[in-house]
C-alpha cells in the first residue's frame, strides 16, 4: 500500500515531534539541562538555547509523535492528526499569548519563542491537512473522508 501525500506529511511531522521530544532530554542540545523541572515555569532548560522545555513538555512532544505515526497509517487518520493537531497548537499559541510566563498557570512551560513556533505549527499542520487531505471525487482507490 502506497502512502498518500497527507500520510507522508503526517509521518514526517510526527517524526519531527519525536526527534524534538528526544532532543529535549539531551544535555548540550538542551541548555541548562540541570535546571529542567517536571513541569512549570520554573524549568530553565532551553531546547537549542531558545525554547523553554520541561520533562512534561518533552513528553508531550513524544506523545504527539507517537499519535501522529499511529494516525498517519490511514488517510483519514493522517488528515485528522494534522488538522486537529494544528488546532491544538493554535490553542497553545493563544494560551501562551494570554498566560503570564511567570504564572503557575504556565505549567508546560512556554516562552515567547514557543508561542510563535506554536503559531507556525498550527498554520502549517492545518494547511497540510486541508490541502493534502483533499481527494478527487470518485477517484478509484482513494479514501473519502
Protein backbone atom coordinates (compact mmCIF):
# COMPACT_ATOMS: atom_id res chain seq x y z
CA UNK A 1 0.00 0.00 0.00
CA UNK A 2 1.36 3.38 -1.00
CA UNK A 3 1.14 6.30 1.39
CA UNK A 4 -0.84 9.29 0.22
CA UNK A 5 0.71 12.78 0.41
CA UNK A 6 -1.25 13.56 3.58
CA UNK A 7 0.00 10.33 5.19
CA UNK A 8 3.59 11.16 4.23
CA UNK A 9 3.21 14.67 5.67
CA UNK A 10 1.70 13.37 8.91
CA UNK A 11 4.51 10.84 9.24
CA UNK A 12 7.19 13.49 8.71
CA UNK A 13 5.53 15.87 11.19
CA UNK A 14 5.20 13.03 13.72
CA UNK A 15 8.85 12.06 13.25
CA UNK A 16 9.91 15.67 13.83
CA UNK A 17 7.91 15.71 17.08
CA UNK A 18 9.66 12.52 18.17
CA UNK A 19 13.09 13.96 17.37
CA UNK A 20 12.30 17.19 19.21
CA UNK A 21 11.00 15.23 22.20
CA UNK A 22 14.19 13.20 22.39
CA UNK A 23 16.40 16.25 21.84
CA UNK A 24 14.75 17.88 24.86
CA UNK A 25 16.32 15.19 27.03
CA UNK A 26 19.87 15.58 25.66
CA UNK A 27 22.22 17.84 27.62
CA UNK A 28 24.02 20.24 25.32
CA UNK A 29 21.20 20.31 22.79
CA UNK A 30 19.10 21.42 25.73
CA UNK A 31 20.94 24.16 27.62
CA UNK A 32 20.64 24.49 31.39
CA UNK A 33 19.64 20.83 31.40
CA UNK A 34 20.31 20.58 35.14
CA UNK A 35 17.62 23.24 35.69
CA UNK A 36 14.90 21.17 34.00
CA UNK A 37 11.80 20.60 36.12
CA UNK A 38 8.97 18.12 35.56
CA UNK A 39 6.57 20.97 34.79
CA UNK A 40 6.06 24.64 35.47
CA UNK A 41 7.61 27.94 34.53
CA UNK A 42 10.50 27.33 36.95
CA UNK A 43 12.09 24.97 34.42
CA UNK A 44 15.00 26.91 32.96
CA UNK A 45 16.02 24.26 30.41
CA UNK A 46 16.09 25.59 26.84
CA UNK A 47 15.92 23.36 23.78
CA UNK A 48 18.51 24.68 21.31
CA UNK A 49 19.03 27.51 23.79
CA UNK A 50 15.75 29.10 22.64
CA UNK A 51 12.63 27.10 23.51
CA UNK A 52 11.78 26.64 27.20
CA UNK A 53 11.14 22.97 27.97
CA UNK A 54 10.36 20.70 30.87
CA UNK A 55 10.03 16.97 31.24
CA UNK A 56 6.27 17.31 30.64
CA UNK A 57 6.86 19.47 27.56
CA UNK A 58 9.22 16.85 26.12
CA UNK A 59 6.77 14.04 26.91
CA UNK A 60 4.01 15.94 25.10
CA UNK A 61 6.24 16.16 22.00
CA UNK A 62 6.95 12.42 22.20
CA UNK A 63 3.25 11.59 22.61
CA UNK A 64 2.32 13.84 19.69
CA UNK A 65 4.89 11.96 17.61
CA UNK A 66 3.59 8.53 18.59
CA UNK A 67 -0.02 9.53 17.94
CA UNK A 68 0.97 11.03 14.59
CA UNK A 69 2.77 7.86 13.49
CA UNK A 70 -0.22 5.76 14.50
CA UNK A 71 -2.79 8.02 12.81
CA UNK A 72 -0.58 8.52 9.77
CA UNK A 73 -1.19 4.91 8.78
CA UNK A 74 -4.56 5.86 7.27
CA UNK A 75 -5.67 8.71 5.05
CA UNK A 76 -8.39 9.92 7.44
CA UNK A 77 -6.17 9.49 10.48
CA UNK A 78 -3.33 11.47 8.90
CA UNK A 79 -5.67 14.26 7.87
CA UNK A 80 -7.24 14.38 11.32
CA UNK A 81 -3.84 14.36 13.04
CA UNK A 82 -2.68 17.33 11.01
CA UNK A 83 -5.89 19.35 11.26
CA UNK A 84 -6.77 18.62 14.89
CA UNK A 85 -3.14 18.62 15.99
CA UNK A 86 -2.82 22.02 14.34
CA UNK A 87 -5.93 23.16 16.20
CA UNK A 88 -4.32 22.05 19.48
CA UNK A 89 -1.25 24.10 18.63
CA UNK A 90 -3.46 27.11 17.82
CA UNK A 91 -4.97 26.81 21.29
CA UNK A 92 -1.47 26.53 22.78
CA UNK A 93 -0.43 29.64 20.86
CA UNK A 94 -3.37 31.60 22.27
CA UNK A 95 -2.76 30.17 25.73
CA UNK A 96 0.86 31.28 25.57
CA UNK A 97 -0.15 34.79 24.50
CA UNK A 98 -2.56 35.29 27.38
CA UNK A 99 -0.91 33.44 30.26
CA UNK A 100 1.83 35.28 32.10
CA UNK A 101 5.14 33.40 31.65
CA UNK A 102 5.82 33.65 35.40
CA UNK A 103 2.35 32.41 36.36
CA UNK A 104 1.73 28.98 37.86
CA UNK A 105 -0.77 28.56 35.01
CA UNK A 106 2.26 28.33 32.69
CA UNK A 107 2.66 24.68 33.62
CA UNK A 108 4.03 23.34 30.32
CA UNK A 109 6.21 25.81 30.30
CA UNK A 110 6.03 28.20 27.35
CA UNK A 111 8.08 31.25 26.42
CA UNK A 112 7.71 33.73 23.53
CA UNK A 113 9.72 31.54 21.17
CA UNK A 114 7.44 28.60 21.96
CA UNK A 115 4.38 30.77 21.40
CA UNK A 116 5.39 31.82 17.89
CA UNK A 117 6.56 28.33 16.98
CA UNK A 118 3.12 27.08 18.03
CA UNK A 119 1.51 29.54 15.62
CA UNK A 120 3.72 28.31 12.77
CA UNK A 121 2.95 24.68 13.69
CA UNK A 122 -0.78 25.41 13.88
CA UNK A 123 -0.88 27.04 10.47
CA UNK A 124 1.44 24.52 8.85
CA UNK A 125 -0.31 21.44 10.20
CA UNK A 126 -3.82 22.68 9.39
CA UNK A 127 -2.81 23.77 5.90
CA UNK A 128 -1.10 20.44 5.22
CA UNK A 129 -4.14 18.56 6.48
CA UNK A 130 -6.60 20.61 4.45
CA UNK A 131 -4.71 20.84 1.17
CA UNK A 132 -3.09 17.40 1.11
CA UNK A 133 -6.19 15.83 2.65
CA UNK A 134 -8.33 16.52 -0.40
CA UNK A 135 -9.18 13.62 -2.66
CA UNK A 136 -10.61 13.75 -6.14
CA UNK A 137 -14.30 12.83 -6.07
CA UNK A 138 -14.90 9.29 -7.18
CA UNK A 139 -11.25 8.53 -7.83
CA UNK A 140 -10.61 4.81 -7.72
CA UNK A 141 -8.65 3.61 -4.73
CA UNK A 142 -8.77 6.90 -2.83
CA UNK A 143 -10.23 7.30 0.58
CA UNK A 144 -13.20 9.55 1.03
CA UNK A 145 -13.14 11.20 4.44
